[in-house]
Protein backbone atom coordinates (compact mmCIF):
# COMPACT_ATOMS: atom_id res chain seq x y z
CA MET A 1 105.65 -46.77 -47.42
CA PRO A 2 102.55 -48.99 -47.44
CA ALA A 3 99.31 -47.41 -48.53
CA THR A 4 96.69 -46.41 -45.94
CA PRO A 5 94.08 -49.14 -45.37
CA ARG A 6 90.73 -48.45 -47.02
CA PHE A 7 88.34 -46.36 -44.93
CA THR A 8 85.05 -48.03 -43.98
CA PRO A 9 82.24 -45.69 -42.79
CA PRO A 10 80.96 -46.48 -39.29
CA GLY A 11 78.19 -49.03 -39.25
CA ARG A 12 79.02 -50.43 -42.69
CA PRO A 13 80.54 -53.91 -42.85
CA PRO A 14 83.97 -54.00 -44.52
CA ARG A 15 83.86 -54.72 -48.25
CA LEU A 16 86.74 -56.87 -49.45
CA HIS A 17 88.38 -55.86 -52.71
CA ARG A 18 89.72 -58.68 -54.88
CA ALA A 19 93.13 -58.90 -53.15
CA GLY A 20 91.46 -58.82 -49.74
CA LEU A 21 89.05 -61.58 -50.77
CA HIS A 22 92.01 -63.67 -51.93
CA ARG A 23 93.78 -63.19 -48.61
CA ALA A 24 90.62 -63.90 -46.63
CA SER A 25 90.11 -67.17 -48.52
CA LEU A 26 93.72 -68.13 -47.78
CA ILE A 27 93.25 -67.52 -44.06
CA THR A 28 89.98 -69.47 -43.98
CA LEU A 29 91.48 -72.45 -45.77
CA ALA A 30 94.57 -72.34 -43.58
CA CYS A 31 92.36 -72.79 -40.55
CA VAL A 32 90.89 -75.93 -42.10
CA ALA A 33 93.96 -77.42 -43.74
CA SER A 34 95.88 -77.75 -40.50
CA TRP A 35 99.31 -79.33 -40.39
CA SER A 36 100.09 -79.26 -36.69
CA CYS A 37 103.04 -80.76 -34.89
CA THR A 38 100.95 -83.37 -33.07
CA SER A 39 103.33 -86.34 -32.88
CA VAL A 40 104.23 -87.45 -29.39
CA PRO A 41 107.92 -86.79 -28.58
CA SER A 42 110.07 -89.84 -28.09
CA PRO A 43 111.61 -90.30 -24.62
CA GLU A 44 114.92 -88.91 -25.91
CA GLU A 45 113.21 -85.90 -27.44
CA ALA A 46 111.11 -85.32 -24.32
CA GLN A 47 114.33 -85.20 -22.33
CA ARG A 48 115.83 -82.63 -24.72
CA LEU A 49 112.70 -80.50 -24.41
CA ALA A 50 112.82 -80.71 -20.59
CA GLU A 51 116.42 -79.50 -20.66
CA SER A 52 115.80 -76.64 -23.11
CA PRO A 53 115.57 -73.11 -21.61
CA GLN A 54 113.57 -72.20 -24.74
CA TYR A 55 110.77 -74.65 -24.00
CA SER A 56 107.90 -74.25 -21.55
CA ALA A 57 106.55 -77.56 -20.25
CA GLU A 58 103.48 -75.71 -18.99
CA THR A 59 102.43 -74.28 -22.36
CA GLN A 60 104.24 -76.87 -24.49
CA ARG A 61 105.52 -73.98 -26.56
CA PHE A 62 108.89 -72.44 -27.31
CA ARG A 63 109.73 -68.84 -26.42
CA ASN A 64 112.22 -66.12 -27.19
CA ALA A 65 114.88 -65.08 -24.72
CA PRO A 66 113.81 -62.19 -22.46
CA ASN A 67 114.36 -58.86 -24.20
CA ALA A 68 113.17 -55.72 -22.45
CA ALA A 69 114.23 -53.68 -25.49
CA ALA A 70 112.01 -55.64 -27.92
CA LYS A 71 109.72 -53.28 -29.82
CA PRO A 72 106.02 -53.96 -29.33
CA SER A 73 104.10 -55.44 -32.25
CA ALA A 74 100.56 -54.62 -33.24
CA GLY A 75 97.81 -56.97 -32.18
CA GLY A 76 96.84 -59.95 -34.29
CA TRP A 77 93.56 -58.40 -35.46
CA ALA A 78 95.29 -55.18 -36.48
CA ILE A 79 97.85 -57.08 -38.51
CA TRP A 80 95.31 -59.34 -40.20
CA SER A 81 93.02 -56.40 -40.88
CA ARG A 82 95.82 -54.63 -42.62
CA PHE A 83 96.57 -57.65 -44.79
CA LEU A 84 92.89 -58.14 -45.54
CA PHE A 85 91.75 -54.57 -46.22
CA GLY A 86 94.94 -52.66 -46.95
CA SER A 87 96.35 -52.14 -50.41
CA LYS A 88 99.94 -52.51 -51.55
CA THR A 89 102.07 -50.47 -53.91
CA GLY A 90 105.30 -51.63 -55.52
CA THR A 91 105.59 -54.83 -53.54
CA VAL A 92 105.63 -57.02 -56.69
CA PRO A 93 108.03 -56.28 -59.55
CA VAL A 94 106.57 -55.28 -62.91
CA ASP A 95 109.78 -56.00 -64.80
CA ALA A 96 111.45 -59.43 -64.82
CA ILE A 97 113.84 -60.16 -61.97
CA PRO A 98 117.24 -61.02 -63.52
CA VAL A 99 118.27 -64.66 -63.04
CA GLN A 100 121.62 -66.18 -63.93
CA PRO A 101 120.97 -69.84 -64.78
CA ILE A 102 123.56 -72.30 -63.47
CA THR A 103 124.12 -75.88 -64.62
CA ARG A 104 125.38 -79.01 -62.91
CA ALA A 105 128.53 -78.77 -65.05
CA GLN A 106 129.17 -75.22 -63.82
CA LEU A 107 128.67 -76.33 -60.22
CA GLU A 108 131.07 -79.22 -60.62
CA ALA A 109 133.64 -76.84 -62.16
CA LEU A 110 133.73 -74.66 -59.04
CA PRO A 111 137.00 -75.29 -57.14
CA GLN A 112 136.74 -78.17 -54.67
CA ASP A 113 139.08 -76.55 -52.14
CA ALA A 114 136.96 -73.43 -51.62
CA ASN A 115 133.56 -72.49 -50.19
CA HIS A 116 130.89 -71.18 -52.57
CA ILE A 117 127.40 -69.72 -51.99
CA ILE A 118 124.83 -69.76 -54.80
CA ARG A 119 121.75 -67.58 -54.36
CA LEU A 120 118.55 -69.44 -55.24
CA GLY A 121 116.13 -66.73 -54.10
CA HIS A 122 114.64 -65.36 -50.87
CA SER A 123 116.56 -67.14 -48.09
CA SER A 124 117.28 -70.25 -50.16
CA HIS A 125 120.91 -70.99 -50.93
CA LEU A 126 122.93 -73.84 -52.40
CA LEU A 127 126.41 -74.12 -50.88
CA LYS A 128 129.42 -75.99 -52.19
CA LEU A 129 131.66 -76.43 -49.18
CA GLN A 130 135.02 -78.03 -49.90
CA GLY A 131 133.42 -80.06 -52.67
CA GLN A 132 130.28 -81.12 -50.74
CA TYR A 133 126.84 -79.64 -51.49
CA TRP A 134 124.55 -78.17 -48.84
CA LEU A 135 121.17 -76.44 -48.91
CA ILE A 136 119.86 -73.69 -46.61
CA ASP A 137 116.08 -73.23 -46.31
CA PRO A 138 115.43 -74.46 -49.86
CA VAL A 139 112.12 -73.31 -51.38
CA PHE A 140 111.69 -74.40 -54.99
CA GLY A 141 107.89 -74.34 -54.88
CA GLU A 142 105.85 -71.72 -56.73
CA ARG A 143 104.23 -70.30 -53.58
CA ALA A 144 105.16 -69.67 -49.95
CA SER A 145 101.82 -71.08 -48.89
CA PRO A 146 100.03 -74.26 -47.75
CA PHE A 147 98.30 -74.27 -51.14
CA SER A 148 99.47 -74.63 -54.71
CA PHE A 149 96.78 -72.30 -56.05
CA MET A 150 96.98 -69.26 -53.78
CA GLY A 151 99.36 -67.39 -51.52
CA PRO A 152 102.57 -65.42 -52.18
CA LYS A 153 103.85 -66.45 -55.62
CA ARG A 154 107.52 -66.34 -56.49
CA PHE A 155 108.73 -63.47 -58.69
CA HIS A 156 111.25 -65.51 -60.67
CA ALA A 157 112.31 -69.00 -61.64
CA THR A 158 115.06 -70.76 -59.70
CA PRO A 159 118.50 -70.59 -61.37
CA LEU A 160 118.46 -74.38 -61.71
CA PRO A 161 115.55 -76.82 -61.53
CA LEU A 162 115.03 -78.90 -58.42
CA SER A 163 115.63 -82.02 -60.49
CA GLU A 164 119.09 -80.76 -61.46
CA LEU A 165 120.45 -80.43 -57.94
CA PRO A 166 123.59 -82.45 -57.22
CA PRO A 167 123.67 -84.97 -54.35
CA ILE A 168 123.16 -83.02 -51.10
CA ALA A 169 125.34 -83.81 -48.08
CA GLY A 170 123.38 -81.63 -45.66
CA LEU A 171 120.23 -79.53 -45.51
CA VAL A 172 119.76 -76.81 -42.87
CA LEU A 173 116.39 -75.37 -41.83
CA SER A 174 116.02 -72.27 -39.68
CA HIS A 175 112.33 -72.70 -38.83
CA ASP A 176 109.06 -74.05 -40.18
CA HIS A 177 107.39 -71.05 -41.85
CA TYR A 178 106.24 -71.66 -45.42
CA ASP A 179 108.86 -69.41 -46.97
CA HIS A 180 111.59 -71.54 -45.34
CA LEU A 181 110.19 -75.07 -45.11
CA ASP A 182 108.61 -75.95 -48.43
CA VAL A 183 106.63 -79.20 -48.67
CA PRO A 184 107.15 -79.92 -52.41
CA THR A 185 110.89 -79.31 -52.04
CA ILE A 186 111.29 -81.51 -48.97
CA ALA A 187 109.12 -84.23 -50.50
CA PHE A 188 111.39 -84.31 -53.56
CA LEU A 189 114.60 -84.25 -51.51
CA ARG A 190 113.70 -86.53 -48.60
CA ASP A 191 115.65 -89.50 -49.99
CA LYS A 192 118.34 -87.40 -51.69
CA VAL A 193 119.81 -85.64 -48.65
CA GLN A 194 122.32 -87.39 -46.42
CA ARG A 195 121.38 -85.45 -43.30
CA PHE A 196 118.92 -82.77 -42.20
CA PHE A 197 119.86 -80.24 -39.48
CA VAL A 198 116.93 -78.52 -37.79
CA PRO A 199 115.88 -76.80 -34.56
CA LEU A 200 114.01 -78.72 -31.87
CA ARG A 201 110.71 -80.33 -32.95
CA VAL A 202 111.13 -79.36 -36.60
CA GLY A 203 112.17 -82.97 -37.05
CA ALA A 204 108.52 -83.91 -36.43
CA ARG A 205 107.58 -81.79 -39.45
CA LEU A 206 110.01 -83.74 -41.57
CA GLN A 207 108.81 -87.07 -40.26
CA ASP A 208 105.27 -86.04 -41.29
CA LEU A 209 106.77 -85.80 -44.80
CA ASP A 210 108.23 -89.30 -44.51
CA VAL A 211 111.81 -88.20 -43.92
CA ASP A 212 113.59 -90.98 -42.06
CA ALA A 213 114.11 -89.87 -38.45
CA SER A 214 117.56 -91.48 -38.44
CA ARG A 215 118.75 -88.84 -40.95
CA VAL A 216 117.52 -85.84 -38.91
CA THR A 217 119.62 -84.03 -36.31
CA GLU A 218 117.69 -81.69 -34.03
CA LEU A 219 119.61 -79.05 -32.12
CA ASP A 220 118.77 -76.56 -29.39
CA TRP A 221 120.41 -73.15 -29.33
CA TRP A 222 124.20 -73.54 -28.97
CA GLY A 223 123.95 -77.22 -29.89
CA GLU A 224 126.71 -78.50 -32.20
CA ALA A 225 127.08 -81.21 -34.82
CA GLU A 226 129.57 -82.22 -37.52
CA HIS A 227 128.94 -83.75 -40.90
CA ALA A 228 130.81 -84.03 -44.20
CA GLY A 229 133.61 -81.79 -42.96
CA VAL A 230 131.29 -79.04 -41.74
CA LYS A 231 130.82 -77.98 -38.12
CA LEU A 232 127.33 -76.67 -37.45
CA THR A 233 126.06 -74.69 -34.47
CA ALA A 234 122.42 -73.74 -33.95
CA ALA A 235 122.35 -70.24 -32.47
CA PRO A 236 119.64 -68.00 -30.99
CA ALA A 237 117.19 -65.91 -32.98
CA GLN A 238 114.21 -63.76 -32.00
CA HIS A 239 111.25 -64.97 -34.03
CA PHE A 240 108.34 -67.44 -33.86
CA SER A 241 107.10 -70.57 -35.63
CA GLY A 242 104.00 -72.29 -36.86
CA ARG A 243 102.21 -73.33 -40.04
CA THR A 244 98.57 -72.83 -38.99
CA LEU A 245 96.63 -70.50 -36.72
CA THR A 246 96.69 -73.08 -33.92
CA ASP A 247 100.29 -74.31 -33.67
CA ARG A 248 102.28 -71.14 -33.08
CA ASP A 249 105.65 -71.73 -31.36
CA SER A 250 105.24 -75.52 -31.28
CA THR A 251 108.69 -75.79 -32.91
CA LEU A 252 111.91 -73.89 -32.29
CA TRP A 253 113.56 -71.32 -34.59
CA ALA A 254 117.28 -70.69 -34.91
CA SER A 255 120.14 -69.01 -36.71
CA TRP A 256 123.14 -71.09 -37.81
CA SER A 257 126.90 -71.10 -37.96
CA LEU A 258 128.63 -73.31 -40.52
CA GLU A 259 132.40 -73.75 -40.41
CA SER A 260 134.20 -75.38 -43.34
CA GLY A 261 137.82 -75.34 -44.45
CA GLY A 262 138.76 -72.76 -41.84
CA GLN A 263 136.05 -70.31 -42.97
CA ARG A 264 132.86 -69.42 -41.11
CA ILE A 265 129.40 -68.65 -42.50
CA TYR A 266 126.60 -67.18 -40.43
CA TYR A 267 122.95 -67.41 -41.42
CA SER A 268 120.56 -65.31 -39.35
CA GLY A 269 117.35 -67.10 -40.37
CA ASP A 270 114.43 -64.84 -39.51
CA SER A 271 114.91 -62.61 -36.49
CA GLY A 272 114.14 -59.30 -34.92
CA TYR A 273 117.07 -57.37 -33.50
CA PHE A 274 118.19 -58.51 -30.04
CA ASP A 275 121.34 -58.67 -27.95
CA GLY A 276 121.76 -62.34 -28.82
CA PHE A 277 123.65 -61.23 -31.93
CA LYS A 278 126.44 -59.90 -29.72
CA ALA A 279 126.60 -63.22 -27.88
CA ILE A 280 126.78 -65.07 -31.20
CA GLY A 281 129.65 -62.87 -32.34
CA GLU A 282 131.52 -63.43 -29.10
CA ARG A 283 131.04 -67.23 -29.04
CA LEU A 284 131.13 -68.14 -32.72
CA GLY A 285 132.57 -65.21 -34.69
CA PRO A 286 134.15 -63.66 -36.52
CA PHE A 287 132.43 -64.77 -39.72
CA ASP A 288 133.88 -64.54 -43.22
CA VAL A 289 130.38 -63.90 -44.55
CA ALA A 290 127.10 -63.27 -42.75
CA LEU A 291 123.79 -63.96 -44.48
CA MET A 292 121.55 -61.44 -42.74
CA GLU A 293 117.79 -61.20 -42.96
CA ASN A 294 116.83 -58.08 -44.92
CA GLY A 295 113.19 -58.00 -45.98
CA ALA A 296 109.54 -58.45 -44.84
CA TYR A 297 110.04 -55.85 -42.08
CA ASP A 298 107.22 -53.62 -40.92
CA SER A 299 106.33 -51.29 -38.05
CA TYR A 300 103.47 -53.63 -37.21
CA TRP A 301 105.88 -56.51 -36.35
CA PRO A 302 109.27 -54.96 -35.47
CA ALA A 303 110.22 -57.66 -32.94
CA VAL A 304 110.37 -60.56 -35.43
CA HIS A 305 111.97 -59.00 -38.55
CA MET A 306 114.78 -56.44 -38.81
CA SER A 307 114.82 -53.15 -40.63
CA PRO A 308 117.85 -52.66 -42.92
CA GLU A 309 119.42 -50.47 -40.24
CA GLU A 310 119.03 -53.27 -37.69
CA SER A 311 120.36 -55.83 -40.15
CA VAL A 312 123.55 -53.77 -40.44
CA GLN A 313 123.84 -53.48 -36.66
CA ALA A 314 123.27 -57.23 -36.21
CA PHE A 315 125.95 -57.89 -38.84
CA GLN A 316 128.40 -55.80 -36.86
CA ASP A 317 127.38 -57.54 -33.64
CA VAL A 318 128.11 -61.01 -35.02
CA ARG A 319 131.49 -59.72 -36.27
CA GLY A 320 130.88 -60.36 -39.94
CA GLN A 321 133.31 -59.41 -42.67
CA VAL A 322 130.98 -59.46 -45.72
CA LEU A 323 127.32 -58.50 -45.33
CA TYR A 324 125.13 -60.69 -47.54
CA GLY A 325 121.45 -59.68 -47.67
CA VAL A 326 118.81 -62.44 -47.76
CA HIS A 327 115.02 -62.78 -47.36
CA ASN A 328 114.08 -60.54 -50.26
CA SER A 329 113.46 -60.38 -54.03
CA THR A 330 111.32 -63.52 -54.34
CA PHE A 331 108.02 -63.28 -52.41
CA ASP A 332 105.62 -60.48 -51.49
CA LEU A 333 105.45 -60.81 -47.71
CA ALA A 334 105.13 -57.25 -46.40
CA PHE A 335 104.21 -53.69 -47.40
CA HIS A 336 107.56 -52.15 -48.40
CA THR A 337 108.48 -52.01 -52.07
CA TRP A 338 110.38 -55.02 -53.35
CA GLN A 339 113.50 -52.90 -54.02
CA ASP A 340 113.52 -51.18 -50.61
CA PRO A 341 115.55 -53.81 -48.66
CA LEU A 342 118.23 -53.98 -51.35
CA GLU A 343 118.64 -50.25 -51.85
CA ARG A 344 118.68 -49.38 -48.15
CA LEU A 345 121.09 -52.15 -47.19
CA ALA A 346 123.53 -51.31 -49.99
CA THR A 347 123.43 -47.61 -49.16
CA LEU A 348 123.92 -48.13 -45.42
CA ALA A 349 126.79 -50.54 -45.99
CA GLU A 350 128.46 -48.11 -48.37
CA GLN A 351 128.13 -45.29 -45.84
CA LYS A 352 129.76 -47.45 -43.15
CA GLY A 353 132.47 -48.91 -45.39
CA ILE A 354 131.10 -52.43 -45.03
CA PRO A 355 131.67 -54.91 -47.89
CA VAL A 356 128.16 -55.83 -49.04
CA ALA A 357 126.79 -58.60 -51.27
CA THR A 358 123.37 -58.29 -52.88
CA PRO A 359 123.83 -61.00 -55.52
CA VAL A 360 121.73 -61.55 -58.59
CA ILE A 361 119.64 -64.72 -58.38
CA GLY A 362 121.95 -67.55 -59.46
CA GLU A 363 125.18 -65.64 -58.77
CA VAL A 364 128.03 -67.56 -57.18
CA LEU A 365 129.93 -65.91 -54.32
CA THR A 366 133.23 -67.59 -53.47
CA ILE A 367 134.23 -66.78 -49.91
CA GLY A 368 137.48 -64.88 -49.70
CA GLN A 369 137.51 -63.95 -53.39
CA PRO A 370 137.09 -60.34 -54.53
CA ARG A 371 133.84 -59.37 -56.21
CA THR A 372 132.15 -56.20 -57.41
CA ASN A 373 128.67 -55.64 -56.01
CA VAL A 374 126.10 -54.43 -58.55
CA ARG A 375 122.80 -52.72 -57.73
CA TRP A 376 120.99 -54.88 -60.25
CA TRP A 377 117.51 -53.78 -59.10
CA GLN A 378 117.99 -50.13 -60.06
CA GLY A 379 115.96 -49.17 -63.12
CA LEU A 380 113.52 -52.06 -62.62
CA ARG A 381 109.93 -51.35 -61.75
């Protein structure tokens, strides 16, 4: 449980402790260092936006599907006040996070006629699908932040350096938040990826980073594409977007289905729990493995991130066969302890008889092959 925010006597201005001052500086600089999606849509893109049920021409913003059951979130000031003045306990590991390094030679040795998932950290994954390499939300940078000198810093090194990545056939982005779209990573990869697959208007973000527009495929929810033997479908999610305090929801967010060699992978991206998971399961499932968001949840924002209990329910809704927890173990983004998502998800899955995967950073999961799940975080502070 997060600690209670510091009490300030009435009439006294709040006094920022060191962590609060750091966070306040980050927010102030973020207001100044704006990276907004300001490019004018092309005629083709304008047509796609006009046809999208997710886009409001009046507000020029995207929106979630109606959900009467969505849990209310705290107001913006309450959330920011908590981040500014509240203290945290156990959100950053004291002991080293275990990492299994992996080399290019080891990647190349993985069977070409199978589908493999390599955990890079947080929601970042390298996939080897029938011999072709793919990336999902790759973040190799040191911080999930607009700045190199402040903001959430990663707990561990990546299992292989960015420079050691093999040629990438496809790169999939779920949305534009800093812990999913990383500028240094994209800048390094912009000429090394055959094709980028992104939700609507995220392509403008990539073009701002000099990614050739001809290599970017933008999809609305339920949109489909094929590349390098993989069928991709952008699916709904319940979240939001934006990289500054002024551009919220100017780009779309999505979950993804990837089908390769007769096997199906689901990646939830970031999402609160909603009935769209059932629709995804009905239209695109079942899935051999489902990478489900499991981390950065909080009672202050229950509509945009899932608790472990909701992650399990969403996994069942999409008709997954192996529950693979993501969005944890790399960045301090909430108030729960860093081990909490892992322990709760593994326990819930065990209670329900669900095969669960909470891989060590760098571990390779081969879809359809037996594996023993290890609670590697136990005993670490």
